[in-house]
Amino acid sequence: MGPHFLPRAPAAITVLPPNPKEQVQKAHTRALELEKQVEKLQLELDLKAGLRKVLIKTVYRLAYRNSVGCCPLLDESNGRCNLFIAKKSS
């Protein structure tokens, strides 16, 4: 049987106290990254809101074009579609 080697004990790990300047710099960098991320998300939300408005207008116009001549209660004046609802006679 050959010689038996025992594993060496790990060297003592020294933990350095945190450097305050380094921590401040890391926090500042992270804050800037988060601000950029918030700005990007706000732009995306604004874009989606704009697209939603365009979609609603487009659907509205298509519905109007498809209903012209079919419904005498629709009236176009000043380039807008006004919907007149007739009251029921009692």
PDB file of N, CA and C in Angstrom:
ATOM      1  N   MET A   1       0.820  -1.160   0.000  1.00  0.00           N
ATOM      2  CA  MET A   1       0.000   0.000   0.000  1.00  0.00           C
ATOM      3  C   MET A   1       0.879   1.244   0.000  1.00  0.00           C
ATOM      4  N   GLY A   2       0.505   2.208  -0.843  1.00  0.00           N
ATOM      5  CA  GLY A   2       1.295   3.431  -0.987  1.00  0.00           C
ATOM      6  C   GLY A   2       1.048   4.406   0.152  1.00  0.00           C
ATOM      7  N   PRO A   3       1.819   5.459   0.139  1.00  0.00           N
ATOM      8  CA  PRO A   3       1.641   6.459   1.200  1.00  0.00           C
ATOM      9  C   PRO A   3       0.271   7.118   1.109  1.00  0.00           C
ATOM     10  N   HIS A   4      -0.265   7.430   2.210  1.00  0.00           N
ATOM     11  CA  HIS A   4      -1.583   8.055   2.313  1.00  0.00           C
ATOM     12  C   HIS A   4      -1.386   9.544   2.505  1.00  0.00           C
ATOM     13  N   PHE A   5      -1.999  10.336   1.617  1.00  0.00           N
ATOM     14  CA  PHE A   5      -1.885  11.787   1.755  1.00  0.00           C
ATOM     15  C   PHE A   5      -3.203  12.349   2.254  1.00  0.00           C
ATOM     16  N   LEU A   6      -3.110  13.136   3.261  1.00  0.00           N
ATOM     17  CA  LEU A   6      -4.305  13.801   3.772  1.00  0.00           C
ATOM     18  C   LEU A   6      -4.486  15.123   3.028  1.00  0.00           C
ATOM     19  N   PRO A   7      -5.743  15.477   2.751  1.00  0.00           N
ATOM     20  CA  PRO A   7      -5.938  16.761   2.061  1.00  0.00           C
ATOM     21  C   PRO A   7      -5.486  17.913   2.944  1.00  0.00           C
ATOM     22  N   ARG A   8      -4.935  18.873   2.299  1.00  0.00           N
ATOM     23  CA  ARG A   8      -4.428  20.039   3.011  1.00  0.00           C
ATOM     24  C   ARG A   8      -5.606  20.905   3.468  1.00  0.00           C
ATOM     25  N   ALA A   9      -5.516  21.433   4.641  1.00  0.00           N
ATOM     26  CA  ALA A   9      -6.562  22.314   5.168  1.00  0.00           C
ATOM     27  C   ALA A   9      -6.536  23.623   4.376  1.00  0.00           C
ATOM     28  N   PRO A  10      -7.712  24.152   4.060  1.00  0.00           N
ATOM     29  CA  PRO A  10      -7.724  25.397   3.280  1.00  0.00           C
ATOM     30  C   PRO A  10      -7.102  26.535   4.081  1.00  0.00           C
ATOM     31  N   ALA A  11      -6.453  27.411   3.346  1.00  0.00           N
ATOM     32  CA  ALA A  11      -5.838  28.575   3.991  1.00  0.00           C
ATOM     33  C   ALA A  11      -6.940  29.455   4.549  1.00  0.00           C
ATOM     34  N   ALA A  12      -6.621  30.173   5.563  1.00  0.00           N
ATOM     35  CA  ALA A  12      -7.614  31.062   6.174  1.00  0.00           C
ATOM     36  C   ALA A  12      -8.027  32.126   5.155  1.00  0.00           C
ATOM     37  N   ILE A  13      -9.318  32.308   5.028  1.00  0.00           N
ATOM     38  CA  ILE A  13      -9.841  33.300   4.095  1.00  0.00           C
ATOM     39  C   ILE A  13     -10.013  34.604   4.855  1.00  0.00           C
ATOM     40  N   THR A  14      -9.381  35.611   4.335  1.00  0.00           N
ATOM     41  CA  THR A  14      -9.523  36.908   4.994  1.00  0.00           C
ATOM     42  C   THR A  14     -10.571  37.717   4.243  1.00  0.00           C
ATOM     43  N   VAL A  15     -11.507  38.212   4.974  1.00  0.00           N
ATOM     44  CA  VAL A  15     -12.562  39.032   4.391  1.00  0.00           C
ATOM     45  C   VAL A  15     -12.225  40.480   4.685  1.00  0.00           C
ATOM     46  N   LEU A  16     -12.047  41.212   3.611  1.00  0.00           N
ATOM     47  CA  LEU A  16     -11.719  42.619   3.783  1.00  0.00           C
ATOM     48  C   LEU A  16     -12.986  43.408   4.079  1.00  0.00           C
ATOM     49  N   PRO A  17     -12.883  44.403   4.908  1.00  0.00           N
ATOM     50  CA  PRO A  17     -14.070  45.231   5.150  1.00  0.00           C
ATOM     51  C   PRO A  17     -14.441  45.964   3.864  1.00  0.00           C
ATOM     52  N   PRO A  18     -15.739  46.188   3.642  1.00  0.00           N
ATOM     53  CA  PRO A  18     -16.151  46.832   2.399  1.00  0.00           C
ATOM     54  C   PRO A  18     -15.609  48.261   2.314  1.00  0.00           C
ATOM     55  N   ASN A  19     -15.205  48.597   1.121  1.00  0.00           N
ATOM     56  CA  ASN A  19     -14.690  49.933   0.862  1.00  0.00           C
ATOM     57  C   ASN A  19     -15.880  50.861   0.619  1.00  0.00           C
ATOM     58  N   PRO A  20     -16.095  51.865   1.452  1.00  0.00           N
ATOM     59  CA  PRO A  20     -17.267  52.736   1.294  1.00  0.00           C
ATOM     60  C   PRO A  20     -17.306  53.453  -0.054  1.00  0.00           C
ATOM     61  N   LYS A  21     -16.156  53.899  -0.539  1.00  0.00           N
ATOM     62  CA  LYS A  21     -16.130  54.601  -1.833  1.00  0.00           C
ATOM     63  C   LYS A  21     -16.552  53.664  -2.961  1.00  0.00           C
ATOM     64  N   GLU A  22     -16.073  52.436  -2.875  1.00  0.00           N
ATOM     65  CA  GLU A  22     -16.411  51.445  -3.899  1.00  0.00           C
ATOM     66  C   GLU A  22     -17.904  51.116  -3.850  1.00  0.00           C
ATOM     67  N   GLN A  23     -18.450  50.991  -2.653  1.00  0.00           N
ATOM     68  CA  GLN A  23     -19.881  50.711  -2.515  1.00  0.00           C
ATOM     69  C   GLN A  23     -20.720  51.853  -3.073  1.00  0.00           C
ATOM     70  N   VAL A  24     -20.314  53.081  -2.806  1.00  0.00           N
ATOM     71  CA  VAL A  24     -21.042  54.244  -3.320  1.00  0.00           C
ATOM     72  C   VAL A  24     -20.993  54.255  -4.842  1.00  0.00           C
ATOM     73  N   GLN A  25     -19.834  53.963  -5.405  1.00  0.00           N
ATOM     74  CA  GLN A  25     -19.693  53.952  -6.862  1.00  0.00           C
ATOM     75  C   GLN A  25     -20.575  52.870  -7.482  1.00  0.00           C
ATOM     76  N   LYS A  26     -20.601  51.682  -6.882  1.00  0.00           N
ATOM     77  CA  LYS A  26     -21.447  50.601  -7.399  1.00  0.00           C
ATOM     78  C   LYS A  26     -22.924  50.970  -7.309  1.00  0.00           C
ATOM     79  N   ALA A  27     -23.317  51.581  -6.197  1.00  0.00           N
ATOM     80  CA  ALA A  27     -24.715  51.990  -6.028  1.00  0.00           C
ATOM     81  C   ALA A  27     -25.088  53.059  -7.044  1.00  0.00           C
ATOM     82  N   HIS A  28     -24.180  53.983  -7.288  1.00  0.00           N
ATOM     83  CA  HIS A  28     -24.433  55.047  -8.266  1.00  0.00           C
ATOM     84  C   HIS A  28     -24.577  54.462  -9.673  1.00  0.00           C
ATOM     85  N   THR A  29     -23.695  53.539 -10.021  1.00  0.00           N
ATOM     86  CA  THR A  29     -23.758  52.890 -11.331  1.00  0.00           C
ATOM     87  C   THR A  29     -25.072  52.135 -11.493  1.00  0.00           C
ATOM     88  N   ARG A  30     -25.465  51.425 -10.470  1.00  0.00           N
ATOM     89  CA  ARG A  30     -26.727  50.663 -10.521  1.00  0.00           C
ATOM     90  C   ARG A  30     -27.923  51.603 -10.643  1.00  0.00           C
ATOM     91  N   ALA A  31     -27.883  52.727  -9.932  1.00  0.00           N
ATOM     92  CA  ALA A  31     -28.976  53.699 -10.014  1.00  0.00           C
ATOM     93  C   ALA A  31     -29.098  54.252 -11.430  1.00  0.00           C
ATOM     94  N   LEU A  32     -27.970  54.529 -12.076  1.00  0.00           N
ATOM     95  CA  LEU A  32     -28.004  55.023 -13.455  1.00  0.00           C
ATOM     96  C   LEU A  32     -28.582  53.971 -14.401  1.00  0.00           C
ATOM     97  N   GLU A  33     -28.200  52.716 -14.199  1.00  0.00           N
ATOM     98  CA  GLU A  33     -28.737  51.630 -15.025  1.00  0.00           C
ATOM     99  C   GLU A  33     -30.252  51.524 -14.856  1.00  0.00           C
ATOM    100  N   LEU A  34     -30.720  51.631 -13.620  1.00  0.00           N
ATOM    101  CA  LEU A  34     -32.160  51.542 -13.357  1.00  0.00           C
ATOM    102  C   LEU A  34     -32.908  52.726 -13.959  1.00  0.00           C
ATOM    103  N   GLU A  35     -32.319  53.920 -13.908  1.00  0.00           N
ATOM    104  CA  GLU A  35     -32.953  55.091 -14.518  1.00  0.00           C
ATOM    105  C   GLU A  35     -33.102  54.904 -16.023  1.00  0.00           C
ATOM    106  N   LYS A  36     -32.067  54.379 -16.669  1.00  0.00           N
ATOM    107  CA  LYS A  36     -32.136  54.116 -18.107  1.00  0.00           C
ATOM    108  C   LYS A  36     -33.225  53.093 -18.409  1.00  0.00           C
ATOM    109  N   GLN A  37     -33.320  52.074 -17.581  1.00  0.00           N
ATOM    110  CA  GLN A  37     -34.328  51.036 -17.776  1.00  0.00           C
ATOM    111  C   GLN A  37     -35.735  51.619 -17.623  1.00  0.00           C
ATOM    112  N   VAL A  38     -35.937  52.486 -16.643  1.00  0.00           N
ATOM    113  CA  VAL A  38     -37.241  53.121 -16.435  1.00  0.00           C
ATOM    114  C   VAL A  38     -37.602  53.990 -17.638  1.00  0.00           C
ATOM    115  N   GLU A  39     -36.634  54.764 -18.147  1.00  0.00           N
ATOM    116  CA  GLU A  39     -36.887  55.606 -19.320  1.00  0.00           C
ATOM    117  C   GLU A  39     -37.282  54.750 -20.522  1.00  0.00           C
ATOM    118  N   LYS A  40     -36.587  53.643 -20.713  1.00  0.00           N
ATOM    119  CA  LYS A  40     -36.889  52.752 -21.836  1.00  0.00           C
ATOM    120  C   LYS A  40     -38.297  52.178 -21.703  1.00  0.00           C
ATOM    121  N   LEU A  41     -38.667  51.760 -20.501  1.00  0.00           N
ATOM    122  CA  LEU A  41     -40.003  51.205 -20.279  1.00  0.00           C
ATOM    123  C   LEU A  41     -41.082  52.265 -20.480  1.00  0.00           C
ATOM    124  N   GLN A  42     -40.806  53.507 -20.071  1.00  0.00           N
ATOM    125  CA  GLN A  42     -41.774  54.586 -20.266  1.00  0.00           C
ATOM    126  C   GLN A  42     -41.980  54.849 -21.756  1.00  0.00           C
ATOM    127  N   LEU A  43     -40.902  54.823 -22.537  1.00  0.00           N
ATOM    128  CA  LEU A  43     -41.021  55.000 -23.984  1.00  0.00           C
ATOM    129  C   LEU A  43     -41.851  53.876 -24.599  1.00  0.00           C
ATOM    130  N   GLU A  44     -41.642  52.657 -24.138  1.00  0.00           N
ATOM    131  CA  GLU A  44     -42.430  51.527 -24.645  1.00  0.00           C
ATOM    132  C   GLU A  44     -43.908  51.694 -24.315  1.00  0.00           C
ATOM    133  N   LEU A  45     -44.205  52.141 -23.095  1.00  0.00           N
ATOM    134  CA  LEU A  45     -45.606  52.361 -22.709  1.00  0.00           C
ATOM    135  C   LEU A  45     -46.241  53.459 -23.553  1.00  0.00           C
ATOM    136  N   ASP A  46     -45.504  54.545 -23.791  1.00  0.00           N
ATOM    137  CA  ASP A  46     -46.022  55.631 -24.621  1.00  0.00           C
ATOM    138  C   ASP A  46     -46.278  55.146 -26.045  1.00  0.00           C
ATOM    139  N   LEU A  47     -45.366  54.346 -26.565  1.00  0.00           N
ATOM    140  CA  LEU A  47     -45.529  53.812 -27.913  1.00  0.00           C
ATOM    141  C   LEU A  47     -46.762  52.920 -27.993  1.00  0.00           C
ATOM    142  N   LYS A  48     -46.942  52.052 -27.005  1.00  0.00           N
ATOM    143  CA  LYS A  48     -48.107  51.165 -26.997  1.00  0.00           C
ATOM    144  C   LYS A  48     -49.404  51.952 -26.880  1.00  0.00           C
ATOM    145  N   ALA A  49     -49.400  53.015 -26.081  1.00  0.00           N
ATOM    146  CA  ALA A  49     -50.604  53.844 -25.946  1.00  0.00           C
ATOM    147  C   ALA A  49     -50.922  54.516 -27.275  1.00  0.00           C
ATOM    148  N   GLY A  50     -49.896  55.001 -27.967  1.00  0.00           N
ATOM    149  CA  GLY A  50     -50.100  55.620 -29.277  1.00  0.00           C
ATOM    150  C   GLY A  50     -50.627  54.616 -30.290  1.00  0.00           C
ATOM    151  N   LEU A  51     -50.067  53.423 -30.285  1.00  0.00           N
ATOM    152  CA  LEU A  51     -50.531  52.382 -31.205  1.00  0.00           C
ATOM    153  C   LEU A  51     -51.970  51.991 -30.903  1.00  0.00           C
ATOM    154  N   ARG A  52     -52.325  51.960 -29.630  1.00  0.00           N
ATOM    155  CA  ARG A  52     -53.690  51.618 -29.231  1.00  0.00           C
ATOM    156  C   ARG A  52     -54.668  52.662 -29.780  1.00  0.00           C
ATOM    157  N   LYS A  53     -54.301  53.952 -29.687  1.00  0.00           N
ATOM    158  CA  LYS A  53     -55.164  55.016 -30.206  1.00  0.00           C
ATOM    159  C   LYS A  53     -55.344  54.884 -31.714  1.00  0.00           C
ATOM    160  N   VAL A  54     -54.245  54.623 -32.419  1.00  0.00           N
ATOM    161  CA  VAL A  54     -54.314  54.461 -33.873  1.00  0.00           C
ATOM    162  C   VAL A  54     -55.184  53.268 -34.226  1.00  0.00           C
ATOM    163  N   LEU A  55     -55.046  52.183 -33.501  1.00  0.00           N
ATOM    164  CA  LEU A  55     -55.845  50.988 -33.759  1.00  0.00           C
ATOM    165  C   LEU A  55     -57.330  51.265 -33.549  1.00  0.00           C
ATOM    166  N   ILE A  56     -57.660  51.957 -32.468  1.00  0.00           N
ATOM    167  CA  ILE A  56     -59.068  52.272 -32.194  1.00  0.00           C
ATOM    168  C   ILE A  56     -59.638  53.153 -33.295  1.00  0.00           C
ATOM    169  N   LYS A  57     -58.881  54.169 -33.725  1.00  0.00           N
ATOM    170  CA  LYS A  57     -59.352  55.048 -34.801  1.00  0.00           C
ATOM    171  C   LYS A  57     -59.542  54.268 -36.095  1.00  0.00           C
ATOM    172  N   THR A  58     -58.617  53.373 -36.388  1.00  0.00           N
ATOM    173  CA  THR A  58     -58.708  52.585 -37.617  1.00  0.00           C
ATOM    174  C   THR A  58     -59.928  51.676 -37.590  1.00  0.00           C
ATOM    175  N   VAL A  59     -60.147  50.994 -36.495  1.00  0.00           N
ATOM    176  CA  VAL A  59     -61.315  50.116 -36.373  1.00  0.00           C
ATOM    177  C   VAL A  59     -62.592  50.933 -36.489  1.00  0.00           C
ATOM    178  N   TYR A  60     -62.605  52.094 -35.864  1.00  0.00           N
ATOM    179  CA  TYR A  60     -63.777  52.975 -35.915  1.00  0.00           C
ATOM    180  C   TYR A  60     -64.067  53.391 -37.358  1.00  0.00           C
ATOM    181  N   ARG A  61     -63.020  53.805 -38.081  1.00  0.00           N
ATOM    182  CA  ARG A  61     -63.204  54.230 -39.478  1.00  0.00           C
ATOM    183  C   ARG A  61     -63.666  53.072 -40.355  1.00  0.00           C
ATOM    184  N   LEU A  62     -63.088  51.900 -40.157  1.00  0.00           N
ATOM    185  CA  LEU A  62     -63.508  50.740 -40.948  1.00  0.00           C
ATOM    186  C   LEU A  62     -64.956  50.380 -40.652  1.00  0.00           C
ATOM    187  N   ALA A  63     -65.340  50.439 -39.395  1.00  0.00           N
ATOM    188  CA  ALA A  63     -66.728  50.144 -39.038  1.00  0.00           C
ATOM    189  C   ALA A  63     -67.659  51.160 -39.672  1.00  0.00           C
ATOM    190  N   TYR A  64     -67.251  52.415 -39.694  1.00  0.00           N
ATOM    191  CA  TYR A  64     -68.086  53.449 -40.306  1.00  0.00           C
ATOM    192  C   TYR A  64     -68.226  53.202 -41.807  1.00  0.00           C
ATOM    193  N   ARG A  65     -67.104  52.919 -42.477  1.00  0.00           N
ATOM    194  CA  ARG A  65     -67.148  52.683 -43.929  1.00  0.00           C
ATOM    195  C   ARG A  65     -68.043  51.495 -44.261  1.00  0.00           C
ATOM    196  N   ASN A  66     -67.980  50.465 -43.438  1.00  0.00           N
ATOM    197  CA  ASN A  66     -68.793  49.276 -43.694  1.00  0.00           C
ATOM    198  C   ASN A  66     -70.265  49.519 -43.414  1.00  0.00           C
ATOM    199  N   SER A  67     -70.573  50.511 -42.592  1.00  0.00           N
ATOM    200  CA  SER A  67     -71.968  50.729 -42.232  1.00  0.00           C
ATOM    201  C   SER A  67     -72.615  51.878 -43.000  1.00  0.00           C
ATOM    202  N   VAL A  68     -71.856  52.616 -43.806  1.00  0.00           N
ATOM    203  CA  VAL A  68     -72.430  53.726 -44.574  1.00  0.00           C
ATOM    204  C   VAL A  68     -73.462  53.163 -45.548  1.00  0.00           C
ATOM    205  N   GLY A  69     -74.616  53.745 -45.530  1.00  0.00           N
ATOM    206  CA  GLY A  69     -75.681  53.285 -46.412  1.00  0.00           C
ATOM    207  C   GLY A  69     -76.513  52.184 -45.791  1.00  0.00           C
ATOM    208  N   CYS A  70     -75.995  51.529 -44.777  1.00  0.00           N
ATOM    209  CA  CYS A  70     -76.739  50.446 -44.134  1.00  0.00           C
ATOM    210  C   CYS A  70     -77.581  50.957 -42.978  1.00  0.00           C
ATOM    211  N   CYS A  71     -77.145  52.035 -42.376  1.00  0.00           N
ATOM    212  CA  CYS A  71     -77.811  52.521 -41.180  1.00  0.00           C
ATOM    213  C   CYS A  71     -78.117  54.006 -41.339  1.00  0.00           C
ATOM    214  N   PRO A  72     -79.379  54.373 -41.448  1.00  0.00           N
ATOM    215  CA  PRO A  72     -79.709  55.789 -41.625  1.00  0.00           C
ATOM    216  C   PRO A  72     -79.467  56.618 -40.363  1.00  0.00           C
ATOM    217  N   LEU A  73     -79.145  55.990 -39.256  1.00  0.00           N
ATOM    218  CA  LEU A  73     -78.914  56.737 -38.026  1.00  0.00           C
ATOM    219  C   LEU A  73     -77.496  57.298 -37.943  1.00  0.00           C
ATOM    220  N   LEU A  74     -76.635  56.890 -38.891  1.00  0.00           N
ATOM    221  CA  LEU A  74     -75.281  57.425 -38.916  1.00  0.00           C
ATOM    222  C   LEU A  74     -75.265  58.661 -39.797  1.00  0.00           C
ATOM    223  N   ASP A  75     -74.623  59.699 -39.349  1.00  0.00           N
ATOM    224  CA  ASP A  75     -74.565  60.939 -40.099  1.00  0.00           C
ATOM    225  C   ASP A  75     -73.130  61.437 -40.086  1.00  0.00           C
ATOM    226  N   GLU A  76     -72.620  61.787 -41.255  1.00  0.00           N
ATOM    227  CA  GLU A  76     -71.259  62.294 -41.326  1.00  0.00           C
ATOM    228  C   GLU A  76     -71.315  63.803 -41.487  1.00  0.00           C
ATOM    229  N   SER A  77     -70.687  64.511 -40.573  1.00  0.00           N
ATOM    230  CA  SER A  77     -70.600  65.961 -40.693  1.00  0.00           C
ATOM    231  C   SER A  77     -69.232  66.398 -40.202  1.00  0.00           C
ATOM    232  N   ASN A  78     -68.632  67.299 -40.916  1.00  0.00           N
ATOM    233  CA  ASN A  78     -67.295  67.804 -40.579  1.00  0.00           C
ATOM    234  C   ASN A  78     -66.252  66.691 -40.537  1.00  0.00           C
ATOM    235  N   GLY A  79     -66.391  65.703 -41.383  1.00  0.00           N
ATOM    236  CA  GLY A  79     -65.419  64.621 -41.437  1.00  0.00           C
ATOM    237  C   GLY A  79     -65.465  63.683 -40.254  1.00  0.00           C
ATOM    238  N   ARG A  80     -66.475  63.799 -39.422  1.00  0.00           N
ATOM    239  CA  ARG A  80     -66.599  62.924 -38.259  1.00  0.00           C
ATOM    240  C   ARG A  80     -67.859  62.096 -38.390  1.00  0.00           C
ATOM    241  N   CYS A  81     -67.867  61.017 -37.724  1.00  0.00           N
ATOM    242  CA  CYS A  81     -69.038  60.154 -37.728  1.00  0.00           C
ATOM    243  C   CYS A  81     -69.781  60.366 -36.421  1.00  0.00           C
ATOM    244  N   ASN A  82     -71.008  60.795 -36.519  1.00  0.00           N
ATOM    245  CA  ASN A  82     -71.830  60.990 -35.327  1.00  0.00           C
ATOM    246  C   ASN A  82     -72.918  59.935 -35.320  1.00  0.00           C
ATOM    247  N   LEU A  83     -73.079  59.295 -34.225  1.00  0.00           N
ATOM    248  CA  LEU A  83     -74.078  58.246 -34.100  1.00  0.00           C
ATOM    249  C   LEU A  83     -75.294  58.819 -33.395  1.00  0.00           C
ATOM    250  N   PHE A  84     -76.403  58.785 -34.099  1.00  0.00           N
ATOM    251  CA  PHE A  84     -77.653  59.271 -33.526  1.00  0.00           C
ATOM    252  C   PHE A  84     -78.491  58.072 -33.147  1.00  0.00           C
ATOM    253  N   ILE A  85     -78.899  58.007 -31.916  1.00  0.00           N
ATOM    254  CA  ILE A  85     -79.712  56.890 -31.444  1.00  0.00           C
ATOM    255  C   ILE A  85     -81.138  57.382 -31.324  1.00  0.00           C
ATOM    256  N   ALA A  86     -82.008  56.724 -32.051  1.00  0.00           N
ATOM    257  CA  ALA A  86     -83.418  57.115 -32.021  1.00  0.00           C
ATOM    258  C   ALA A  86     -84.043  56.628 -30.724  1.00  0.00           C
ATOM    259  N   LYS A  87     -84.821  57.502 -30.100  1.00  0.00           N
ATOM    260  CA  LYS A  87     -85.505  57.120 -28.866  1.00  0.00           C
ATOM    261  C   LYS A  87     -86.713  56.272 -29.213  1.00  0.00           C
ATOM    262  N   LYS A  88     -86.994  55.321 -28.350  1.00  0.00           N
ATOM    263  CA  LYS A  88     -88.172  54.479 -28.548  1.00  0.00           C
ATOM    264  C   LYS A  88     -89.417  55.298 -28.257  1.00  0.00           C
ATOM    265  N   SER A  89     -90.408  55.107 -29.082  1.00  0.00           N
ATOM    266  CA  SER A  89     -91.686  55.780 -28.841  1.00  0.00           C
ATOM    267  C   SER A  89     -92.462  54.982 -27.820  1.00  0.00           C
ATOM    268  N   SER A  90     -92.955  55.665 -26.806  1.00  0.00           N
ATOM    269  CA  SER A  90     -93.712  54.965 -25.768  1.00  0.00           C
ATOM    270  C   SER A  90     -95.171  54.971 -26.098  1.00  0.00           C
TER     271      SER A  90
END
